Structure formats: structure tokens, C-alpha cells
Amino acid sequence: MSKPTPSSLATRRSSPEPLLRVVKKPELPPWQASLLRVGAFLLAIAAGALFILMLGQNPLNVYAEMIRGCFRSKIAIQSTVKIGIPLLVTSLGVTLAFKMKFWNIGAEGQLIMGAVFATYFALFHSDWPHLLLMLACFLAGIIGGGLWGLIPAVFKARFNTNETLLTLMLNYIAYYIVDYLRQGPWQDPEARGFPKIATFDPNAYLGKIFGVQFGWIIGLLLVVLVFVYLRYTKSGYEISVVGESQATARYAGINVKRVMIVTMVLSGAISGIAGMLQVTGTDFTLSTGVASGVGFTAIIVAWLGQLNPFVILVFTAFFSILEKGSGVIQTAFGLSSYAADILQGVILFFILGCEFFIRYSFAFRAFGWHAPDVWHARRNCHGKSGQPESWRGGYDVHWRHRRVLCGLYHTKHCARCAWRISRRPPLRPHLCVFDCYAQSKPKRDRPYLDDFWRGFRQFFRGFSARIGRNRRAEAIG
């Protein structure tokens, strides 16, 4: 790497240090992360209780009614499970893509397209035998969602497009496809001009087990299948490797483009199954509200579940209870729907914020050996935390150069200077003298300060001698 020029040093020197920045924390032990999550949940309950008090209600009564309303009768339990079925299946679909670090924000559109493909058979082939019709709807949902997931995967593999924006935009395309169908080709002729799609024939209804649509069995089976696929199969291992580092995957002989496309097809197919279950097991028709934000909530559930299917099942149950309970307290206490949504948002804010602080922390502007990122640099550079013996002089190193100490920029000459800083002045002070030492402010005794100025004087004398030789050469010439 080329040596820094005076202009580059001046540019770095003039860059102001931010007052507040986000830094990644070392991985916490599982018990500490669990304690943080429990604390965040308790804070969420306390903040929600404060909001309920502001509404003039008793928080204990409201929370008790939320839980009781989800399980007080057989019908209430069935309604809670119905809410969780599409959320669970869609979360599992998102998990596959996220495991590969493919940010699939298009689960909503994939769910809608799975519902569209399944609706075709439910509307126009309702005279088929029930078992054959359900199998056709199931496969159609897989194909519809898989094709919708294939589009961003191909563009990402072929043109390296931004998958976040592309999958997000495809959600709106899927939505307007449904809007076109309900106002055009599939409009119910008996609706008297009202834009809606006809209700399915009872032969196209998904069967029930214990009073709930068969989708909850499919959801539980998918939990096990996705867990086994990610943990114990070659394809699941390839997904993990590609997610960690595509360069490492290519070096290991993995076809990254093939893994990317196949995984996104599977992710979209599972989300398409959720759409099929929704239209044939709950709504019995197709509408623009078939997804109802499930695709975006599934992203939160998958992220909170650490992409573990069994943990995702737990968070799905929590979100289902929260959603159902919010509707119950609206009726029981006369709260508006907005108040119930705010209560949900307050609880989710603390839970999601906890996940942020488990991985990251805020670092304020600080100078000297006590700065948080300097300690982080020492852990990376010296192999241990704490203050090394050679740092007891307490040099105040420029914060940008501290980042170089961690090797984030892999700058050859700066890594050399960083090594010299902890022992003695650099052999070539002119490389980093302005960036490392000139930014220093005396906070404590510096046993190496005399050595630094001695090296600086040597550099200045050498530089002056070089100028003198050049001038004498010019005069002779």
C-alpha cells in the first residue's frame, strides 16, 4: 500500500471526531444476553403500564384481560392460533433468506402471490375432488411464492442488485396484481359492481383439526423441517457459509449463485404456503388485505428468534397473544384501536431495543488510554484486555488511527506505526507523526515524549539536509 501523502494526512487530521457513534460489542455470554432480554421484557411491561395509567385504566386489569381474552374459551384459543399460523410459516420462510444474509423484505409479496396462485384453483376448479383440489392449491402456493422469490435472487446473482429495495418493490406489484384481479377478470358477478372476488366453494375450504384449520399442523411440520434442513443437511451448511463469507464459500468450491437462487426460491415457496393457508383456511376468498402486514411482522419474529425455528415458534405465540389481546381490551375497556396499537408498539420498542444493545453500544467522544475503542483496540492488537505495560505513558492517539490499530483498514504502514507506538517512537516518524502524536494532549506523564521529539528532530534535520543538497545540486548545475 502506498505511503500517506501530506494532503491525505491533513484530510484525516481535519476530520472531526463524532460526539456519539455506534460500536460493535464483543459477543455476550448466553446468560448475560438472557438477563438483558428478561430485563427488557420487564421494562416493556412497566412502560406499557405507565401508558395504561395515562389512559385512566388499571394496568393489572388490562394485562390480565389480555391474557384471559386469548384463552377464556375454545373459540378464543382458535382465534389466537389462526393469527399465529401465517405469521409462523412466513417467519420460517424469511429465516432461510436471512441465514444467508440475503435481506428478503418481500415476504409480504411472496405470501400474496402464493394466495393468488392458490385462488385460481379454488375459484375455477372447485368441482375437483377435495383432496386433489387441496393438493393443487398447496402446490400452486409453493410455485407462486417461489417464482416471486426467484426474481430478486436472479437479479442479485446476475447483476448484484440491492435485494432489499427489489424485494420491497415487488410487494407493491403483488398488491396491485390482486387489486387488478378483484376489479377485473376475477370480479364477483353477483357483487353488483362492488370490487371483490367471490367467496370460495365449500369444497375449497381447508380441513380443520380440533376446530382450527389444518395449517397449524403444517406450520409445526415446517418448524421441524426447516430446523433439520439448516442444521443437518449439506445445503443448510452451504447457506451458513455463504452467509458468513461469500469469498470463503467460493474458495471452498460452493456455487454461491446457485445457493442464493435455490434458497430464495425455498424462502418464497414457504411464504407462498402461508398465503395458500390464509385464503383456503381463514378468509375463503382473495382480497388486498390477505397479508395484513404479516410479512413485515415475520421479519421481526425471525430476528428476535435468532433464526432458530423453535425459538421463532415461541415468539410467534407471543405476538399472537399480543395481537389477540389488543383486540380484546378494545372491547372490554372501550379503548380505541390506536391506543391498543400504541401499547403494542411500546412493548415491541423495548424488546427490539434490547436486541440492539446486546450487539452494539454507544461510544462518546473520549481521548486517552481510557477511551472505549482504545481498550477494544488493545484487545485486538495485544490479545488481552486491560492496560499493557508499554501503554502506561498514556498516549492520546487520534481516534481514526485507533481504528487502524484494530486492523479494520489493514493499512500496512499504519499497522507498523501502531506496533511502534506501544514500544518506542516509529522508525519513520514522518509517516504518522501528524496523525498519531501531533493530536495528543498531555493528560499524564509520558516517558517516551523525549524520544518522540528526538526522532522528530532527526527527521527535520534529514529533511533540511535533503533540501540543502538539492539546492547545492541546482547551484552546481
Protein backbone atom coordinates (compact mmCIF):
# COMPACT_ATOMS: atom_id res chain seq x y z
CA MET A 1 0.00 0.00 0.00
CA SER A 2 1.27 3.45 -0.83
CA LYS A 3 2.58 5.78 1.85
CA PRO A 4 0.32 8.60 3.07
CA THR A 5 0.81 11.96 1.46
CA PRO A 6 0.71 15.26 3.38
CA SER A 7 -2.66 16.06 1.80
CA SER A 8 -4.17 12.76 2.96
CA LEU A 9 -2.80 13.31 6.46
CA ALA A 10 -4.29 16.79 6.51
CA THR A 11 -7.65 15.41 5.38
CA ARG A 12 -7.68 12.82 8.14
CA ARG A 13 -6.45 15.32 10.67
CA SER A 14 -9.19 17.79 9.80
CA SER A 15 -11.98 15.22 10.07
CA PRO A 16 -13.84 15.91 13.34
CA GLU A 17 -14.37 13.09 15.77
CA PRO A 18 -18.11 12.38 16.16
CA LEU A 19 -19.58 13.05 19.56
CA LEU A 20 -21.51 9.77 19.52
CA ARG A 21 -21.01 6.66 17.43
CA VAL A 22 -22.18 3.04 17.43
CA VAL A 23 -19.58 0.36 18.11
CA LYS A 24 -20.00 -3.40 17.98
CA LYS A 25 -19.71 -5.17 21.32
CA PRO A 26 -17.95 -8.46 21.93
CA GLU A 27 -20.33 -11.40 21.97
CA LEU A 28 -22.01 -11.67 25.37
CA PRO A 29 -22.27 -14.93 27.29
CA PRO A 30 -25.70 -16.56 26.86
CA TRP A 31 -26.68 -15.94 30.48
CA GLN A 32 -25.95 -12.21 30.20
CA ALA A 33 -27.96 -11.95 26.96
CA SER A 34 -30.84 -13.81 28.63
CA LEU A 35 -30.78 -11.45 31.60
CA LEU A 36 -30.87 -8.45 29.26
CA ARG A 37 -33.88 -9.88 27.43
CA VAL A 38 -35.72 -10.56 30.68
CA GLY A 39 -34.93 -7.03 31.86
CA ALA A 40 -36.15 -5.56 28.58
CA PHE A 41 -39.40 -7.52 28.87
CA LEU A 42 -39.97 -6.23 32.41
CA LEU A 43 -39.23 -2.66 31.27
CA ALA A 44 -41.68 -3.13 28.40
CA ILE A 45 -44.40 -4.23 30.82
CA ALA A 46 -43.62 -1.27 33.10
CA ALA A 47 -43.70 1.22 30.21
CA GLY A 48 -46.97 -0.26 28.96
CA ALA A 49 -48.40 0.01 32.48
CA LEU A 50 -47.45 3.69 32.58
CA PHE A 51 -49.24 4.27 29.27
CA ILE A 52 -52.32 2.43 30.56
CA LEU A 53 -52.32 4.61 33.68
CA MET A 54 -52.29 7.68 31.44
CA LEU A 55 -55.47 6.33 29.83
CA GLY A 56 -57.11 6.09 33.26
CA GLN A 57 -57.16 2.29 33.44
CA ASN A 58 -55.73 -0.22 35.89
CA PRO A 59 -52.67 -1.86 34.28
CA LEU A 60 -53.13 -5.13 36.18
CA ASN A 61 -56.72 -5.46 34.99
CA VAL A 62 -55.77 -4.65 31.40
CA TYR A 63 -52.89 -7.14 31.27
CA ALA A 64 -54.99 -9.82 32.94
CA GLU A 65 -57.77 -9.28 30.41
CA MET A 66 -55.29 -9.53 27.52
CA ILE A 67 -54.15 -12.97 28.70
CA ARG A 68 -57.60 -14.14 29.75
CA GLY A 69 -59.15 -13.00 26.49
CA CYS A 70 -56.83 -15.25 24.48
CA PHE A 71 -57.67 -18.42 26.42
CA ARG A 72 -61.04 -17.89 28.09
CA SER A 73 -62.94 -20.09 25.62
CA LYS A 74 -62.42 -22.60 22.86
CA ILE A 75 -63.28 -20.01 20.22
CA ALA A 76 -60.77 -17.54 21.69
CA ILE A 77 -58.00 -20.15 21.57
CA GLN A 78 -58.88 -20.98 17.98
CA SER A 79 -58.76 -17.30 17.02
CA THR A 80 -55.33 -16.91 18.65
CA VAL A 81 -53.97 -19.93 16.78
CA LYS A 82 -55.39 -18.62 13.49
CA ILE A 83 -53.46 -15.38 13.95
CA GLY A 84 -50.24 -17.29 14.51
CA ILE A 85 -50.42 -19.70 11.55
CA PRO A 86 -49.47 -17.32 8.68
CA LEU A 87 -47.01 -15.49 10.95
CA LEU A 88 -45.17 -18.69 11.86
CA VAL A 89 -44.95 -20.00 8.30
CA THR A 90 -43.83 -16.67 6.86
CA SER A 91 -41.21 -16.26 9.60
CA LEU A 92 -39.76 -19.66 8.69
CA GLY A 93 -39.56 -18.58 5.05
CA VAL A 94 -37.75 -15.37 5.96
CA THR A 95 -35.34 -17.36 8.15
CA LEU A 96 -33.84 -19.21 5.19
CA ALA A 97 -33.00 -16.00 3.35
CA PHE A 98 -31.70 -14.19 6.43
CA LYS A 99 -29.47 -17.13 7.32
CA MET A 100 -27.76 -16.48 4.00
CA LYS A 101 -27.59 -12.73 4.74
CA PHE A 102 -29.99 -12.15 1.83
CA TRP A 103 -32.25 -9.42 3.17
CA ASN A 104 -35.61 -10.62 1.91
CA ILE A 105 -38.10 -7.85 2.71
CA GLY A 106 -40.53 -9.27 0.16
CA ALA A 107 -42.22 -12.00 2.22
CA GLU A 108 -45.41 -9.96 2.02
CA GLY A 109 -45.43 -10.11 -1.78
CA GLN A 110 -44.46 -13.79 -1.83
CA LEU A 111 -47.35 -14.57 0.51
CA ILE A 112 -49.74 -12.63 -1.75
CA MET A 113 -48.58 -14.41 -4.91
CA GLY A 114 -48.93 -17.78 -3.22
CA ALA A 115 -52.50 -16.79 -2.35
CA VAL A 116 -53.16 -15.64 -5.95
CA PHE A 117 -51.97 -18.92 -7.48
CA ALA A 118 -53.97 -20.98 -4.96
CA THR A 119 -57.08 -18.85 -5.53
CA TYR A 120 -57.10 -19.74 -9.22
CA PHE A 121 -57.74 -23.41 -8.45
CA ALA A 122 -60.14 -22.61 -5.61
CA LEU A 123 -62.27 -20.41 -7.91
CA PHE A 124 -62.20 -22.21 -11.23
CA HIS A 125 -61.66 -25.86 -10.30
CA SER A 126 -63.81 -26.18 -7.22
CA ASP A 127 -65.54 -29.24 -8.76
CA TRP A 128 -62.38 -31.35 -8.37
CA PRO A 129 -62.21 -33.91 -5.57
CA HIS A 130 -61.44 -32.19 -2.29
CA LEU A 131 -58.11 -33.90 -1.64
CA LEU A 132 -56.89 -33.27 -5.20
CA LEU A 133 -58.06 -29.66 -5.07
CA MET A 134 -56.24 -29.01 -1.76
CA LEU A 135 -53.07 -30.61 -3.16
CA ALA A 136 -53.31 -28.42 -6.27
CA CYS A 137 -53.79 -25.27 -4.16
CA PHE A 138 -50.85 -26.26 -1.96
CA LEU A 139 -48.52 -26.77 -4.93
CA ALA A 140 -49.81 -23.60 -6.59
CA GLY A 141 -49.00 -21.61 -3.45
CA ILE A 142 -45.47 -23.05 -3.44
CA ILE A 143 -44.96 -22.18 -7.11
CA GLY A 144 -46.39 -18.67 -6.79
CA GLY A 145 -44.27 -17.73 -3.80
CA GLY A 146 -41.20 -19.47 -5.23
CA LEU A 147 -41.40 -17.59 -8.52
CA TRP A 148 -41.77 -14.29 -6.67
CA GLY A 149 -38.68 -15.12 -4.65
CA LEU A 150 -36.79 -16.22 -7.77
CA ILE A 151 -36.94 -12.76 -9.37
CA PRO A 152 -34.78 -10.87 -6.82
CA ALA A 153 -32.44 -13.86 -6.48
CA VAL A 154 -31.67 -13.89 -10.21
CA PHE A 155 -31.11 -10.15 -10.31
CA LYS A 156 -28.87 -10.35 -7.26
CA ALA A 157 -26.83 -13.24 -8.67
CA ARG A 158 -26.61 -11.84 -12.20
CA PHE A 159 -26.40 -8.07 -11.69
CA ASN A 160 -25.66 -7.74 -7.94
CA THR A 161 -28.73 -5.55 -7.43
CA ASN A 162 -29.84 -4.39 -3.99
CA GLU A 163 -32.12 -7.19 -2.77
CA THR A 164 -33.68 -5.03 -0.05
CA LEU A 165 -35.11 -2.48 -2.46
CA LEU A 166 -36.07 -5.03 -5.10
CA THR A 167 -37.97 -7.34 -2.75
CA LEU A 168 -39.67 -4.34 -1.14
CA MET A 169 -40.87 -3.01 -4.50
CA LEU A 170 -42.17 -6.45 -5.50
CA ASN A 171 -44.55 -6.28 -2.53
CA TYR A 172 -46.40 -3.39 -4.15
CA ILE A 173 -46.51 -5.11 -7.51
CA ALA A 174 -48.11 -8.17 -5.91
CA TYR A 175 -50.62 -5.95 -4.10
CA TYR A 176 -51.71 -4.24 -7.30
CA ILE A 177 -52.00 -7.55 -9.11
CA VAL A 178 -54.64 -8.55 -6.56
CA ASP A 179 -56.30 -5.14 -6.93
CA TYR A 180 -56.44 -5.64 -10.70
CA LEU A 181 -57.91 -9.13 -10.37
CA ARG A 182 -60.66 -8.11 -7.97
CA GLN A 183 -61.73 -5.23 -10.22
CA GLY A 184 -61.30 -7.08 -13.48
CA PRO A 185 -61.08 -10.73 -14.52
CA TRP A 186 -61.96 -12.27 -11.15
CA GLN A 187 -64.57 -9.79 -10.02
CA ASP A 188 -67.61 -11.41 -8.46
CA PRO A 189 -70.53 -11.02 -10.95
CA GLU A 190 -73.02 -11.14 -8.08
CA ALA A 191 -71.34 -8.23 -6.22
CA ARG A 192 -73.33 -5.65 -8.26
CA GLY A 193 -70.27 -3.71 -9.32
CA PHE A 194 -68.54 -3.82 -5.95
CA PRO A 195 -64.85 -4.75 -6.47
CA LYS A 196 -64.47 -8.10 -4.75
CA ILE A 197 -63.63 -11.70 -5.55
CA ALA A 198 -66.27 -14.33 -4.94
CA THR A 199 -66.20 -16.49 -1.83
CA PHE A 200 -64.80 -19.95 -2.42
CA ASP A 201 -66.95 -23.01 -2.76
CA PRO A 202 -67.05 -25.06 0.50
CA ASN A 203 -65.21 -27.82 -1.38
CA ALA A 204 -62.16 -25.48 -1.47
CA TYR A 205 -62.12 -24.95 2.30
CA LEU A 206 -59.11 -26.33 4.13
CA GLY A 207 -59.98 -29.03 6.64
CA LYS A 208 -59.94 -28.49 10.39
CA ILE A 209 -58.36 -30.33 13.31
CA PHE A 210 -59.66 -29.55 16.83
CA GLY A 211 -61.70 -26.73 15.36
CA VAL A 212 -58.72 -24.96 13.77
CA GLN A 213 -57.67 -25.10 10.14
CA PHE A 214 -55.11 -27.75 9.18
CA GLY A 215 -52.49 -25.03 8.73
CA TRP A 216 -51.24 -25.30 12.31
CA ILE A 217 -50.14 -28.88 11.64
CA ILE A 218 -48.31 -27.71 8.50
CA GLY A 219 -46.67 -24.92 10.50
CA LEU A 220 -45.34 -27.31 13.15
CA LEU A 221 -44.05 -29.69 10.47
CA LEU A 222 -42.26 -26.81 8.77
CA VAL A 223 -40.61 -25.84 12.07
CA VAL A 224 -39.02 -29.28 12.28
CA LEU A 225 -38.17 -29.45 8.57
CA VAL A 226 -36.51 -26.03 8.47
CA PHE A 227 -34.52 -26.81 11.63
CA VAL A 228 -33.27 -30.11 10.19
CA TYR A 229 -32.56 -28.52 6.82
CA LEU A 230 -30.44 -25.72 8.29
CA ARG A 231 -28.69 -27.80 10.94
CA TYR A 232 -28.10 -31.25 9.44
CA THR A 233 -28.02 -31.01 5.63
CA LYS A 234 -25.30 -30.07 3.20
CA SER A 235 -27.47 -27.32 1.71
CA GLY A 236 -28.04 -25.82 5.15
CA TYR A 237 -24.30 -25.80 5.76
CA GLU A 238 -23.73 -24.08 2.42
CA ILE A 239 -26.30 -21.44 3.36
CA SER A 240 -24.42 -20.72 6.59
CA VAL A 241 -21.06 -20.50 4.82
CA VAL A 242 -22.42 -18.15 2.13
CA GLY A 243 -23.98 -16.00 4.86
CA GLU A 244 -20.69 -15.73 6.75
CA SER A 245 -18.48 -15.00 3.75
CA GLN A 246 -19.11 -15.41 0.05
CA ALA A 247 -15.38 -15.32 -0.65
CA THR A 248 -14.82 -18.23 1.73
CA ALA A 249 -17.69 -20.12 0.12
CA ARG A 250 -16.18 -19.69 -3.35
CA TYR A 251 -12.77 -20.79 -2.06
CA ALA A 252 -14.41 -23.92 -0.62
CA GLY A 253 -15.91 -24.72 -4.02
CA ILE A 254 -19.50 -23.69 -3.24
CA ASN A 255 -21.52 -22.31 -6.13
CA VAL A 256 -22.69 -19.10 -4.44
CA LYS A 257 -25.12 -18.09 -7.19
CA ARG A 258 -26.81 -21.48 -7.18
CA VAL A 259 -27.14 -21.47 -3.38
CA MET A 260 -28.55 -17.93 -3.49
CA ILE A 261 -31.18 -18.77 -6.10
CA VAL A 262 -32.25 -22.07 -4.57
CA THR A 263 -32.50 -20.62 -1.08
CA MET A 264 -34.60 -17.68 -2.21
CA VAL A 265 -36.93 -19.98 -4.14
CA LEU A 266 -37.41 -22.04 -0.97
CA SER A 267 -37.90 -18.89 1.11
CA GLY A 268 -40.55 -17.59 -1.28
CA ALA A 269 -42.19 -21.02 -1.53
CA ILE A 270 -42.66 -21.28 2.24
CA SER A 271 -44.13 -17.77 2.33
CA GLY A 272 -46.41 -18.79 -0.55
CA ILE A 273 -47.68 -21.70 1.57
CA ALA A 274 -48.70 -19.12 4.18
CA GLY A 275 -50.74 -17.32 1.52
CA MET A 276 -52.44 -20.55 0.48
CA LEU A 277 -53.31 -21.39 4.10
CA GLN A 278 -54.73 -17.91 4.64
CA VAL A 279 -57.11 -17.89 1.65
CA THR A 280 -58.28 -21.51 1.94
CA GLY A 281 -58.32 -21.85 5.71
CA THR A 282 -59.28 -18.43 7.11
CA ASP A 283 -60.50 -15.85 4.57
CA PHE A 284 -62.10 -18.20 1.98
CA THR A 285 -61.53 -15.52 -0.63
CA LEU A 286 -58.77 -13.32 -2.01
CA SER A 287 -58.54 -9.65 -1.07
CA THR A 288 -55.93 -6.92 -0.94
CA GLY A 289 -55.74 -7.43 2.82
CA VAL A 290 -54.74 -11.07 2.60
CA ALA A 291 -51.26 -10.34 4.01
CA SER A 292 -52.27 -7.66 6.55
CA GLY A 293 -48.65 -6.80 7.35
CA VAL A 294 -47.74 -10.39 8.25
CA GLY A 295 -44.66 -10.28 6.01
CA PHE A 296 -43.14 -7.37 7.90
CA THR A 297 -44.03 -8.74 11.33
CA ALA A 298 -42.41 -12.02 10.30
CA ILE A 299 -39.10 -10.19 9.87
CA ILE A 300 -39.27 -9.05 13.50
CA VAL A 301 -40.21 -12.53 14.72
CA ALA A 302 -37.38 -14.20 12.77
CA TRP A 303 -34.86 -11.67 14.03
CA LEU A 304 -35.97 -11.97 17.65
CA GLY A 305 -35.87 -15.75 17.31
CA GLN A 306 -32.18 -15.62 16.28
CA LEU A 307 -33.18 -17.53 13.10
CA ASN A 308 -33.85 -20.62 15.23
CA PRO A 309 -37.17 -22.25 14.15
CA PHE A 310 -38.10 -23.43 17.65
CA VAL A 311 -37.43 -20.02 19.21
CA ILE A 312 -39.41 -18.46 16.35
CA LEU A 313 -42.34 -20.67 17.39
CA VAL A 314 -42.19 -19.17 20.90
CA PHE A 315 -42.11 -15.58 19.63
CA THR A 316 -44.95 -16.35 17.22
CA ALA A 317 -47.08 -17.41 20.18
CA PHE A 318 -46.12 -14.20 22.00
CA PHE A 319 -47.05 -12.00 19.04
CA SER A 320 -50.32 -13.87 18.51
CA ILE A 321 -51.30 -13.33 22.15
CA LEU A 322 -50.32 -9.67 21.90
CA GLU A 323 -52.36 -9.19 18.72
CA LYS A 324 -55.42 -11.03 20.01
CA GLY A 325 -55.19 -9.42 23.45
CA SER A 326 -55.07 -5.94 21.92
CA GLY A 327 -58.38 -6.62 20.23
CA VAL A 328 -59.88 -7.95 23.46
CA ILE A 329 -59.01 -4.88 25.54
CA GLN A 330 -60.52 -2.63 22.89
CA THR A 331 -63.89 -4.21 23.57
CA ALA A 332 -63.52 -4.81 27.29
CA PHE A 333 -62.27 -1.33 28.27
CA GLY A 334 -63.57 0.79 25.41
CA LEU A 335 -60.09 1.68 24.17
CA SER A 336 -59.60 2.88 20.64
CA SER A 337 -57.70 0.77 18.15
CA TYR A 338 -54.96 3.40 18.14
CA ALA A 339 -54.43 3.02 21.89
CA ALA A 340 -54.10 -0.74 21.51
CA ASP A 341 -51.60 -0.27 18.67
CA ILE A 342 -49.58 2.19 20.77
CA LEU A 343 -49.46 -0.35 23.61
CA GLN A 344 -48.17 -2.98 21.19
CA GLY A 345 -45.58 -0.55 19.86
CA VAL A 346 -44.30 0.36 23.33
CA ILE A 347 -43.78 -3.29 24.24
CA LEU A 348 -42.07 -4.09 20.92
CA PHE A 349 -39.87 -1.00 21.20
CA PHE A 350 -38.23 -2.26 24.37
CA ILE A 351 -37.88 -5.84 23.12
CA LEU A 352 -36.28 -4.80 19.83
CA GLY A 353 -34.12 -2.21 21.57
CA CYS A 354 -32.78 -4.96 23.82
CA GLU A 355 -31.57 -6.89 20.78
CA PHE A 356 -29.72 -3.79 19.59
CA PHE A 357 -27.92 -3.25 22.89
CA ILE A 358 -26.93 -6.92 23.05
CA ARG A 359 -24.91 -6.46 19.87
CA TYR A 360 -23.92 -2.78 19.92
CA SER A 361 -23.22 0.09 22.28
CA PHE A 362 -22.82 3.85 22.06
CA ALA A 363 -19.34 5.34 22.38
CA PHE A 364 -18.96 9.00 23.28
CA ARG A 365 -16.07 11.21 22.26
CA ALA A 366 -13.14 10.35 24.52
CA PHE A 367 -9.38 10.76 24.46
CA GLY A 368 -6.57 8.88 26.06
CA TRP A 369 -5.99 5.31 27.09
CA HIS A 370 -9.37 5.24 28.88
CA ALA A 371 -11.36 5.65 25.61
CA PRO A 372 -13.64 2.63 24.96
CA ASP A 373 -12.39 1.96 21.44
CA VAL A 374 -8.76 2.10 22.61
CA TRP A 375 -9.49 -0.70 25.04
CA HIS A 376 -11.16 -2.55 22.16
CA ALA A 377 -8.06 -1.93 20.05
CA ARG A 378 -5.86 -3.35 22.77
CA ARG A 379 -7.90 -6.48 22.97
CA ASN A 380 -7.47 -6.96 19.22
CA CYS A 381 -3.85 -5.85 18.97
CA HIS A 382 -2.40 -7.19 22.21
CA GLY A 383 -4.58 -10.26 22.57
CA LYS A 384 -5.88 -9.34 26.01
CA SER A 385 -7.92 -6.65 27.70
CA GLY A 386 -6.53 -4.19 30.18
CA GLN A 387 -3.69 -1.70 30.02
CA PRO A 388 -0.46 -3.13 28.60
CA GLU A 389 2.79 -2.20 30.30
CA SER A 390 4.01 -0.22 27.32
CA TRP A 391 0.85 1.96 27.32
CA ARG A 392 1.33 3.37 30.81
CA GLY A 393 2.69 6.52 29.23
CA GLY A 394 -0.92 7.25 28.25
CA TYR A 395 -0.55 8.50 24.66
CA ASP A 396 -3.69 10.20 23.33
CA VAL A 397 -3.94 8.69 19.88
CA HIS A 398 -6.20 10.20 17.22
CA TRP A 399 -9.47 8.23 17.13
CA ARG A 400 -9.26 7.42 13.43
CA HIS A 401 -5.83 5.96 13.99
CA ARG A 402 -7.19 3.87 16.84
CA ARG A 403 -9.48 2.21 14.32
CA VAL A 404 -6.41 1.37 12.31
CA LEU A 405 -4.93 -0.20 15.45
CA CYS A 406 -7.70 -2.81 15.29
CA GLY A 407 -6.69 -3.64 11.73
CA LEU A 408 -10.05 -2.67 10.25
CA TYR A 409 -8.41 -0.81 7.38
CA HIS A 410 -5.46 -3.23 7.05
CA THR A 411 -3.21 -0.24 6.35
CA LYS A 412 0.33 -1.56 6.19
CA HIS A 413 2.28 1.49 7.26
CA CYS A 414 -0.22 2.44 9.96
CA ALA A 415 -0.18 -1.08 11.38
CA ARG A 416 3.59 -0.70 11.58
CA CYS A 417 3.30 2.63 13.34
CA ALA A 418 0.71 1.18 15.72
CA TRP A 419 3.17 -1.55 16.63
CA ARG A 420 5.88 1.02 17.24
CA ILE A 421 3.64 3.28 19.31
CA SER A 422 3.31 0.68 22.04
CA ARG A 423 7.08 0.29 22.35
CA ARG A 424 9.03 3.27 21.09
CA PRO A 425 8.66 6.10 18.54
CA PRO A 426 8.23 4.82 14.98
CA LEU A 427 11.35 4.23 12.93
CA ARG A 428 9.91 6.60 10.34
CA PRO A 429 8.19 9.36 12.30
CA HIS A 430 7.22 11.25 9.15
CA LEU A 431 4.69 8.54 8.27
CA CYS A 432 2.39 9.03 11.23
CA VAL A 433 3.81 11.84 13.29
CA PHE A 434 0.98 14.24 12.46
CA ASP A 435 -1.74 11.61 12.69
CA CYS A 436 -0.59 9.87 15.87
CA TYR A 437 1.38 12.27 18.00
CA ALA A 438 0.50 15.81 16.95
CA GLN A 439 -3.12 15.18 18.01
CA SER A 440 -2.01 14.24 21.52
CA LYS A 441 -2.89 16.26 24.57
CA PRO A 442 -0.89 15.86 27.80
CA LYS A 443 -3.02 14.07 30.39
CA ARG A 444 -0.27 12.28 32.32
CA ASP A 445 3.47 11.72 32.31
CA ARG A 446 4.90 10.48 29.02
CA PRO A 447 8.20 8.67 29.40
CA TYR A 448 8.53 8.36 25.63
CA LEU A 449 7.86 12.01 24.81
CA ASP A 450 11.57 12.92 24.74
CA ASP A 451 12.21 10.01 22.40
CA PHE A 452 9.45 11.26 20.15
CA TRP A 453 10.85 14.78 19.89
CA ARG A 454 14.33 13.36 19.38
CA GLY A 455 13.02 11.34 16.45
CA PHE A 456 11.16 14.36 15.12
CA ARG A 457 14.35 16.46 15.23
CA GLN A 458 16.24 13.74 13.40
CA PHE A 459 13.57 13.70 10.71
CA PHE A 460 13.64 17.50 10.45
CA ARG A 461 17.43 17.57 10.18
CA GLY A 462 17.35 14.89 7.49
CA PHE A 463 14.65 16.75 5.62
CA SER A 464 16.59 20.04 5.84
CA ALA A 465 19.78 18.32 4.72
CA ARG A 466 17.96 16.87 1.71
CA ILE A 467 16.69 20.33 0.75
CA GLY A 468 20.22 21.72 1.15
CA ARG A 469 21.68 19.01 -1.08
CA ASN A 470 19.06 19.69 -3.73
CA ARG A 471 19.79 23.41 -3.69
CA ARG A 472 23.55 22.83 -3.95
CA ALA A 473 22.97 20.44 -6.84
CA GLU A 474 20.84 23.06 -8.59
CA ALA A 475 23.51 25.74 -7.99
CA ILE A 476 26.26 23.49 -9.39
CA GLY A 477 24.10 22.52 -12.33
